[in-house]
Amino acid sequence: MNTVDYDRALYYTHRSEWDNLVVLMVRTQDHILSKRIERFLHAYQFSRDYSVIERQLYGLLTYLEHAVSATSSGDDLIHGNPIMSV
């Protein structure tokens, strides 16, 4: 999987570019990323409880970290480096 979508999601979230995040949500091939973005934006727009927004943001950021680390580990195996980072 290409890490560009994950980098964009992190950038758009950091910069509060919600319109671009919606476009990324629709265009990405990663269905889990799309669902995480959807849940965060829904909480951000409609929830009055800050803990719900915080929990959804943390879930999105945790998934981004996991996806990037899993993708980069897979690239090491493909390119002949059998040592996986912990």
PDB file of N, CA and C in Angstrom:
ATOM      1  N   MET A   1       0.843  -1.172   0.000  1.00  0.00           N
ATOM      2  CA  MET A   1       0.000   0.000   0.000  1.00  0.00           C
ATOM      3  C   MET A   1       0.889   1.235   0.000  1.00  0.00           C
ATOM      4  N   ASN A   2       0.458   2.247  -0.650  1.00  0.00           N
ATOM      5  CA  ASN A   2       1.204   3.492  -0.773  1.00  0.00           C
ATOM      6  C   ASN A   2       0.993   4.352   0.480  1.00  0.00           C
ATOM      7  N   THR A   3       2.066   4.917   0.990  1.00  0.00           N
ATOM      8  CA  THR A   3       1.968   5.710   2.220  1.00  0.00           C
ATOM      9  C   THR A   3       1.540   7.153   1.974  1.00  0.00           C
ATOM     10  N   VAL A   4       1.345   7.554   0.740  1.00  0.00           N
ATOM     11  CA  VAL A   4       0.978   8.942   0.434  1.00  0.00           C
ATOM     12  C   VAL A   4      -0.357   9.308   1.086  1.00  0.00           C
ATOM     13  N   ASP A   5      -1.323   8.407   1.058  1.00  0.00           N
ATOM     14  CA  ASP A   5      -2.623   8.691   1.676  1.00  0.00           C
ATOM     15  C   ASP A   5      -2.485   8.925   3.174  1.00  0.00           C
ATOM     16  N   TYR A   6      -1.629   8.160   3.817  1.00  0.00           N
ATOM     17  CA  TYR A   6      -1.436   8.305   5.264  1.00  0.00           C
ATOM     18  C   TYR A   6      -0.743   9.629   5.579  1.00  0.00           C
ATOM     19  N   ASP A   7       0.234   9.989   4.763  1.00  0.00           N
ATOM     20  CA  ASP A   7       0.916  11.274   4.952  1.00  0.00           C
ATOM     21  C   ASP A   7      -0.052  12.437   4.750  1.00  0.00           C
ATOM     22  N   ARG A   8      -0.884  12.324   3.740  1.00  0.00           N
ATOM     23  CA  ARG A   8      -1.872  13.380   3.488  1.00  0.00           C
ATOM     24  C   ARG A   8      -2.877  13.480   4.626  1.00  0.00           C
ATOM     25  N   ALA A   9      -3.338  12.347   5.118  1.00  0.00           N
ATOM     26  CA  ALA A   9      -4.306  12.361   6.221  1.00  0.00           C
ATOM     27  C   ALA A   9      -3.709  13.036   7.449  1.00  0.00           C
ATOM     28  N   LEU A  10      -2.465  12.724   7.751  1.00  0.00           N
ATOM     29  CA  LEU A  10      -1.807  13.348   8.895  1.00  0.00           C
ATOM     30  C   LEU A  10      -1.641  14.852   8.673  1.00  0.00           C
ATOM     31  N   TYR A  11      -1.223  15.233   7.473  1.00  0.00           N
ATOM     32  CA  TYR A  11      -1.026  16.653   7.156  1.00  0.00           C
ATOM     33  C   TYR A  11      -2.349  17.421   7.236  1.00  0.00           C
ATOM     34  N   TYR A  12      -3.392  16.887   6.608  1.00  0.00           N
ATOM     35  CA  TYR A  12      -4.684  17.578   6.602  1.00  0.00           C
ATOM     36  C   TYR A  12      -5.270  17.672   8.006  1.00  0.00           C
ATOM     37  N   THR A  13      -5.072  16.641   8.809  1.00  0.00           N
ATOM     38  CA  THR A  13      -5.572  16.674  10.179  1.00  0.00           C
ATOM     39  C   THR A  13      -4.818  17.715  10.993  1.00  0.00           C
ATOM     40  N   HIS A  14      -3.512  17.744  10.837  1.00  0.00           N
ATOM     41  CA  HIS A  14      -2.691  18.707  11.573  1.00  0.00           C
ATOM     42  C   HIS A  14      -3.043  20.145  11.196  1.00  0.00           C
ATOM     43  N   ARG A  15      -3.302  20.379   9.920  1.00  0.00           N
ATOM     44  CA  ARG A  15      -3.597  21.728   9.437  1.00  0.00           C
ATOM     45  C   ARG A  15      -5.085  22.078   9.491  1.00  0.00           C
ATOM     46  N   SER A  16      -5.912  21.170   9.973  1.00  0.00           N
ATOM     47  CA  SER A  16      -7.369  21.359  10.055  1.00  0.00           C
ATOM     48  C   SER A  16      -7.975  21.658   8.690  1.00  0.00           C
ATOM     49  N   GLU A  17      -7.501  20.979   7.676  1.00  0.00           N
ATOM     50  CA  GLU A  17      -8.032  21.127   6.317  1.00  0.00           C
ATOM     51  C   GLU A  17      -9.097  20.053   6.104  1.00  0.00           C
ATOM     52  N   TRP A  18     -10.290  20.303   6.653  1.00  0.00           N
ATOM     53  CA  TRP A  18     -11.336  19.299   6.666  1.00  0.00           C
ATOM     54  C   TRP A  18     -11.859  18.998   5.270  1.00  0.00           C
ATOM     55  N   ASP A  19     -11.917  19.987   4.383  1.00  0.00           N
ATOM     56  CA  ASP A  19     -12.388  19.734   3.018  1.00  0.00           C
ATOM     57  C   ASP A  19     -11.473  18.751   2.298  1.00  0.00           C
ATOM     58  N   ASN A  20     -10.177  18.954   2.423  1.00  0.00           N
ATOM     59  CA  ASN A  20      -9.228  18.038   1.794  1.00  0.00           C
ATOM     60  C   ASN A  20      -9.277  16.653   2.439  1.00  0.00           C
ATOM     61  N   LEU A  21      -9.554  16.606   3.731  1.00  0.00           N
ATOM     62  CA  LEU A  21      -9.669  15.321   4.417  1.00  0.00           C
ATOM     63  C   LEU A  21     -10.889  14.547   3.913  1.00  0.00           C
ATOM     64  N   VAL A  22     -11.979  15.253   3.628  1.00  0.00           N
ATOM     65  CA  VAL A  22     -13.166  14.601   3.062  1.00  0.00           C
ATOM     66  C   VAL A  22     -12.856  14.046   1.674  1.00  0.00           C
ATOM     67  N   VAL A  23     -12.157  14.824   0.861  1.00  0.00           N
ATOM     68  CA  VAL A  23     -11.779  14.355  -0.480  1.00  0.00           C
ATOM     69  C   VAL A  23     -10.901  13.114  -0.376  1.00  0.00           C
ATOM     70  N   LEU A  24      -9.950  13.128   0.539  1.00  0.00           N
ATOM     71  CA  LEU A  24      -9.091  11.962   0.748  1.00  0.00           C
ATOM     72  C   LEU A  24      -9.912  10.764   1.212  1.00  0.00           C
ATOM     73  N   MET A  25     -10.874  10.995   2.084  1.00  0.00           N
ATOM     74  CA  MET A  25     -11.734   9.919   2.577  1.00  0.00           C
ATOM     75  C   MET A  25     -12.461   9.232   1.422  1.00  0.00           C
ATOM     76  N   VAL A  26     -12.907  10.006   0.453  1.00  0.00           N
ATOM     77  CA  VAL A  26     -13.648   9.450  -0.676  1.00  0.00           C
ATOM     78  C   VAL A  26     -12.722   8.747  -1.665  1.00  0.00           C
ATOM     79  N   ARG A  27     -11.533   9.281  -1.879  1.00  0.00           N
ATOM     80  CA  ARG A  27     -10.647   8.775  -2.929  1.00  0.00           C
ATOM     81  C   ARG A  27      -9.723   7.637  -2.512  1.00  0.00           C
ATOM     82  N   THR A  28      -9.477   7.457  -1.228  1.00  0.00           N
ATOM     83  CA  THR A  28      -8.511   6.449  -0.809  1.00  0.00           C
ATOM     84  C   THR A  28      -9.035   5.035  -1.069  1.00  0.00           C
ATOM     85  N   GLN A  29      -8.126   4.124  -1.306  1.00  0.00           N
ATOM     86  CA  GLN A  29      -8.473   2.719  -1.505  1.00  0.00           C
ATOM     87  C   GLN A  29      -8.481   1.953  -0.181  1.00  0.00           C
ATOM     88  N   ASP A  30      -7.985   2.575   0.876  1.00  0.00           N
ATOM     89  CA  ASP A  30      -7.935   1.957   2.199  1.00  0.00           C
ATOM     90  C   ASP A  30      -9.266   2.221   2.908  1.00  0.00           C
ATOM     91  N   HIS A  31     -10.078   1.186   3.021  1.00  0.00           N
ATOM     92  CA  HIS A  31     -11.411   1.348   3.594  1.00  0.00           C
ATOM     93  C   HIS A  31     -11.374   1.649   5.090  1.00  0.00           C
ATOM     94  N   ILE A  32     -10.379   1.122   5.777  1.00  0.00           N
ATOM     95  CA  ILE A  32     -10.270   1.393   7.209  1.00  0.00           C
ATOM     96  C   ILE A  32      -9.910   2.861   7.433  1.00  0.00           C
ATOM     97  N   LEU A  33      -8.979   3.376   6.633  1.00  0.00           N
ATOM     98  CA  LEU A  33      -8.624   4.793   6.730  1.00  0.00           C
ATOM     99  C   LEU A  33      -9.843   5.662   6.451  1.00  0.00           C
ATOM    100  N   SER A  34     -10.593   5.309   5.441  1.00  0.00           N
ATOM    101  CA  SER A  34     -11.790   6.062   5.095  1.00  0.00           C
ATOM    102  C   SER A  34     -12.785   6.085   6.255  1.00  0.00           C
ATOM    103  N   LYS A  35     -12.983   4.946   6.892  1.00  0.00           N
ATOM    104  CA  LYS A  35     -13.917   4.862   8.015  1.00  0.00           C
ATOM    105  C   LYS A  35     -13.412   5.652   9.223  1.00  0.00           C
ATOM    106  N   ARG A  36     -12.111   5.605   9.476  1.00  0.00           N
ATOM    107  CA  ARG A  36     -11.544   6.368  10.603  1.00  0.00           C
ATOM    108  C   ARG A  36     -11.706   7.871  10.378  1.00  0.00           C
ATOM    109  N   ILE A  37     -11.463   8.318   9.154  1.00  0.00           N
ATOM    110  CA  ILE A  37     -11.646   9.740   8.832  1.00  0.00           C
ATOM    111  C   ILE A  37     -13.111  10.129   9.001  1.00  0.00           C
ATOM    112  N   GLU A  38     -14.006   9.285   8.494  1.00  0.00           N
ATOM    113  CA  GLU A  38     -15.436   9.561   8.601  1.00  0.00           C
ATOM    114  C   GLU A  38     -15.873   9.693  10.063  1.00  0.00           C
ATOM    115  N   ARG A  39     -15.431   8.775  10.905  1.00  0.00           N
ATOM    116  CA  ARG A  39     -15.809   8.817  12.322  1.00  0.00           C
ATOM    117  C   ARG A  39     -15.268  10.068  13.011  1.00  0.00           C
ATOM    118  N   PHE A  40     -14.020  10.426  12.699  1.00  0.00           N
ATOM    119  CA  PHE A  40     -13.448  11.621  13.312  1.00  0.00           C
ATOM    120  C   PHE A  40     -14.195  12.877  12.871  1.00  0.00           C
ATOM    121  N   LEU A  41     -14.432  13.020  11.573  1.00  0.00           N
ATOM    122  CA  LEU A  41     -15.107  14.223  11.087  1.00  0.00           C
ATOM    123  C   LEU A  41     -16.538  14.323  11.616  1.00  0.00           C
ATOM    124  N   HIS A  42     -17.207  13.187  11.734  1.00  0.00           N
ATOM    125  CA  HIS A  42     -18.561  13.195  12.289  1.00  0.00           C
ATOM    126  C   HIS A  42     -18.533  13.652  13.748  1.00  0.00           C
ATOM    127  N   ALA A  43     -17.596  13.122  14.511  1.00  0.00           N
ATOM    128  CA  ALA A  43     -17.478  13.536  15.916  1.00  0.00           C
ATOM    129  C   ALA A  43     -17.111  15.011  16.011  1.00  0.00           C
ATOM    130  N   TYR A  44     -16.205  15.463  15.168  1.00  0.00           N
ATOM    131  CA  TYR A  44     -15.765  16.860  15.197  1.00  0.00           C
ATOM    132  C   TYR A  44     -16.918  17.804  14.870  1.00  0.00           C
ATOM    133  N   GLN A  45     -17.747  17.420  13.914  1.00  0.00           N
ATOM    134  CA  GLN A  45     -18.827  18.289  13.460  1.00  0.00           C
ATOM    135  C   GLN A  45     -20.038  18.260  14.399  1.00  0.00           C
ATOM    136  N   PHE A  46     -20.378  17.082  14.927  1.00  0.00           N
ATOM    137  CA  PHE A  46     -21.662  16.947  15.607  1.00  0.00           C
ATOM    138  C   PHE A  46     -21.587  16.689  17.107  1.00  0.00           C
ATOM    139  N   SER A  47     -20.455  16.284  17.617  1.00  0.00           N
ATOM    140  CA  SER A  47     -20.380  15.942  19.034  1.00  0.00           C
ATOM    141  C   SER A  47     -20.114  17.185  19.881  1.00  0.00           C
ATOM    142  N   ARG A  48     -20.808  17.256  20.999  1.00  0.00           N
ATOM    143  CA  ARG A  48     -20.573  18.348  21.944  1.00  0.00           C
ATOM    144  C   ARG A  48     -19.622  17.917  23.050  1.00  0.00           C
ATOM    145  N   ASP A  49     -19.378  16.621  23.121  1.00  0.00           N
ATOM    146  CA  ASP A  49     -18.491  16.069  24.140  1.00  0.00           C
ATOM    147  C   ASP A  49     -17.078  15.989  23.569  1.00  0.00           C
ATOM    148  N   TYR A  50     -16.178  16.764  24.158  1.00  0.00           N
ATOM    149  CA  TYR A  50     -14.808  16.823  23.646  1.00  0.00           C
ATOM    150  C   TYR A  50     -14.093  15.482  23.757  1.00  0.00           C
ATOM    151  N   SER A  51     -14.446  14.670  24.741  1.00  0.00           N
ATOM    152  CA  SER A  51     -13.779  13.371  24.896  1.00  0.00           C
ATOM    153  C   SER A  51     -14.077  12.447  23.717  1.00  0.00           C
ATOM    154  N   VAL A  52     -15.249  12.563  23.118  1.00  0.00           N
ATOM    155  CA  VAL A  52     -15.582  11.759  21.932  1.00  0.00           C
ATOM    156  C   VAL A  52     -14.713  12.192  20.756  1.00  0.00           C
ATOM    157  N   ILE A  53     -14.574  13.485  20.572  1.00  0.00           N
ATOM    158  CA  ILE A  53     -13.727  14.009  19.495  1.00  0.00           C
ATOM    159  C   ILE A  53     -12.289  13.565  19.701  1.00  0.00           C
ATOM    160  N   GLU A  54     -11.819  13.691  20.925  1.00  0.00           N
ATOM    161  CA  GLU A  54     -10.446  13.301  21.246  1.00  0.00           C
ATOM    162  C   GLU A  54     -10.219  11.809  20.999  1.00  0.00           C
ATOM    163  N   ARG A  55     -11.182  10.982  21.384  1.00  0.00           N
ATOM    164  CA  ARG A  55     -11.063   9.533  21.188  1.00  0.00           C
ATOM    165  C   ARG A  55     -11.015   9.171  19.700  1.00  0.00           C
ATOM    166  N   GLN A  56     -11.838   9.822  18.886  1.00  0.00           N
ATOM    167  CA  GLN A  56     -11.841   9.543  17.448  1.00  0.00           C
ATOM    168  C   GLN A  56     -10.558  10.040  16.782  1.00  0.00           C
ATOM    169  N   LEU A  57     -10.064  11.192  17.221  1.00  0.00           N
ATOM    170  CA  LEU A  57      -8.799  11.700  16.691  1.00  0.00           C
ATOM    171  C   LEU A  57      -7.664  10.758  17.055  1.00  0.00           C
ATOM    172  N   TYR A  58      -7.635  10.310  18.302  1.00  0.00           N
ATOM    173  CA  TYR A  58      -6.599   9.380  18.741  1.00  0.00           C
ATOM    174  C   TYR A  58      -6.677   8.075  17.950  1.00  0.00           C
ATOM    175  N   GLY A  59      -7.882   7.593  17.674  1.00  0.00           N
ATOM    176  CA  GLY A  59      -8.053   6.383  16.869  1.00  0.00           C
ATOM    177  C   GLY A  59      -7.518   6.561  15.458  1.00  0.00           C
ATOM    178  N   LEU A  60      -7.785   7.709  14.859  1.00  0.00           N
ATOM    179  CA  LEU A  60      -7.273   7.998  13.517  1.00  0.00           C
ATOM    180  C   LEU A  60      -5.754   8.065  13.518  1.00  0.00           C
ATOM    181  N   LEU A  61      -5.183   8.779  14.472  1.00  0.00           N
ATOM    182  CA  LEU A  61      -3.724   8.913  14.526  1.00  0.00           C
ATOM    183  C   LEU A  61      -3.044   7.580  14.830  1.00  0.00           C
ATOM    184  N   THR A  62      -3.647   6.776  15.683  1.00  0.00           N
ATOM    185  CA  THR A  62      -3.094   5.453  15.982  1.00  0.00           C
ATOM    186  C   THR A  62      -3.105   4.575  14.744  1.00  0.00           C
ATOM    187  N   TYR A  63      -4.207   4.624  13.984  1.00  0.00           N
ATOM    188  CA  TYR A  63      -4.266   3.831  12.758  1.00  0.00           C
ATOM    189  C   TYR A  63      -3.230   4.312  11.745  1.00  0.00           C
ATOM    190  N   LEU A  64      -3.056   5.618  11.615  1.00  0.00           N
ATOM    191  CA  LEU A  64      -2.053   6.144  10.683  1.00  0.00           C
ATOM    192  C   LEU A  64      -0.661   5.655  11.056  1.00  0.00           C
ATOM    193  N   GLU A  65      -0.341   5.684  12.344  1.00  0.00           N
ATOM    194  CA  GLU A  65       0.967   5.211  12.794  1.00  0.00           C
ATOM    195  C   GLU A  65       1.146   3.726  12.496  1.00  0.00           C
ATOM    196  N   HIS A  66       0.110   2.944  12.777  1.00  0.00           N
ATOM    197  CA  HIS A  66       0.175   1.506  12.518  1.00  0.00           C
ATOM    198  C   HIS A  66       0.322   1.212  11.023  1.00  0.00           C
ATOM    199  N   ALA A  67      -0.454   1.899  10.203  1.00  0.00           N
ATOM    200  CA  ALA A  67      -0.427   1.647   8.762  1.00  0.00           C
ATOM    201  C   ALA A  67       0.921   2.008   8.150  1.00  0.00           C
ATOM    202  N   VAL A  68       1.495   3.118   8.567  1.00  0.00           N
ATOM    203  CA  VAL A  68       2.794   3.526   8.031  1.00  0.00           C
ATOM    204  C   VAL A  68       3.876   2.554   8.467  1.00  0.00           C
ATOM    205  N   SER A  69       3.856   2.134   9.727  1.00  0.00           N
ATOM    206  CA  SER A  69       4.887   1.200  10.192  1.00  0.00           C
ATOM    207  C   SER A  69       4.725  -0.162   9.528  1.00  0.00           C
ATOM    208  N   ALA A  70       3.501  -0.616   9.326  1.00  0.00           N
ATOM    209  CA  ALA A  70       3.275  -1.900   8.664  1.00  0.00           C
ATOM    210  C   ALA A  70       3.677  -1.833   7.197  1.00  0.00           C
ATOM    211  N   THR A  71       3.406  -0.714   6.555  1.00  0.00           N
ATOM    212  CA  THR A  71       3.765  -0.551   5.148  1.00  0.00           C
ATOM    213  C   THR A  71       5.270  -0.482   4.971  1.00  0.00           C
ATOM    214  N   SER A  72       5.951   0.250   5.833  1.00  0.00           N
ATOM    215  CA  SER A  72       7.405   0.360   5.696  1.00  0.00           C
ATOM    216  C   SER A  72       8.084  -0.957   6.033  1.00  0.00           C
ATOM    217  N   SER A  73       7.557  -1.747   6.958  1.00  0.00           N
ATOM    218  CA  SER A  73       8.128  -3.061   7.271  1.00  0.00           C
ATOM    219  C   SER A  73       7.972  -4.000   6.088  1.00  0.00           C
ATOM    220  N   GLY A  74       6.836  -3.933   5.426  1.00  0.00           N
ATOM    221  CA  GLY A  74       6.619  -4.761   4.250  1.00  0.00           C
ATOM    222  C   GLY A  74       7.552  -4.391   3.115  1.00  0.00           C
ATOM    223  N   ASP A  75       7.864  -3.109   2.972  1.00  0.00           N
ATOM    224  CA  ASP A  75       8.793  -2.673   1.933  1.00  0.00           C
ATOM    225  C   ASP A  75      10.192  -3.210   2.187  1.00  0.00           C
ATOM    226  N   ASP A  76      10.603  -3.291   3.463  1.00  0.00           N
ATOM    227  CA  ASP A  76      11.920  -3.834   3.785  1.00  0.00           C
ATOM    228  C   ASP A  76      12.023  -5.291   3.356  1.00  0.00           C
ATOM    229  N   LEU A  77      10.972  -6.051   3.556  1.00  0.00           N
ATOM    230  CA  LEU A  77      10.996  -7.455   3.163  1.00  0.00           C
ATOM    231  C   LEU A  77      11.026  -7.608   1.648  1.00  0.00           C
ATOM    232  N   ILE A  78      10.313  -6.752   0.962  1.00  0.00           N
ATOM    233  CA  ILE A  78      10.270  -6.826  -0.498  1.00  0.00           C
ATOM    234  C   ILE A  78      11.624  -6.475  -1.096  1.00  0.00           C
ATOM    235  N   HIS A  79      12.301  -5.494  -0.529  1.00  0.00           N
ATOM    236  CA  HIS A  79      13.565  -5.023  -1.085  1.00  0.00           C
ATOM    237  C   HIS A  79      14.775  -5.755  -0.530  1.00  0.00           C
ATOM    238  N   GLY A  80      14.571  -6.864   0.159  1.00  0.00           N
ATOM    239  CA  GLY A  80      15.690  -7.704   0.558  1.00  0.00           C
ATOM    240  C   GLY A  80      16.252  -7.455   1.929  1.00  0.00           C
ATOM    241  N   ASN A  81      15.656  -6.603   2.724  1.00  0.00           N
ATOM    242  CA  ASN A  81      16.130  -6.376   4.078  1.00  0.00           C
ATOM    243  C   ASN A  81      15.228  -7.161   5.027  1.00  0.00           C
ATOM    244  N   PRO A  82      15.657  -8.344   5.485  1.00  0.00           N
ATOM    245  CA  PRO A  82      14.776  -9.205   6.274  1.00  0.00           C
ATOM    246  C   PRO A  82      14.600  -8.763   7.719  1.00  0.00           C
ATOM    247  N   ILE A  83      15.364  -7.784   8.180  1.00  0.00           N
ATOM    248  CA  ILE A  83      15.267  -7.346   9.565  1.00  0.00           C
ATOM    249  C   ILE A  83      14.108  -6.363   9.685  1.00  0.00           C
ATOM    250  N   MET A  84      13.156  -6.717  10.524  1.00  0.00           N
ATOM    251  CA  MET A  84      11.989  -5.857  10.720  1.00  0.00           C
ATOM    252  C   MET A  84      12.214  -4.980  11.933  1.00  0.00           C
ATOM    253  N   SER A  85      11.804  -3.739  11.840  1.00  0.00           N
ATOM    254  CA  SER A  85      11.933  -2.830  12.975  1.00  0.00           C
ATOM    255  C   SER A  85      10.860  -3.143  14.003  1.00  0.00           C
ATOM    256  N   VAL A  86      11.189  -2.915  15.257  1.00  0.00           N
ATOM    257  CA  VAL A  86      10.239  -3.205  16.335  1.00  0.00           C
ATOM    258  C   VAL A  86       9.567  -1.943  16.774  1.00  0.00           C
TER     259      VAL A  86
END
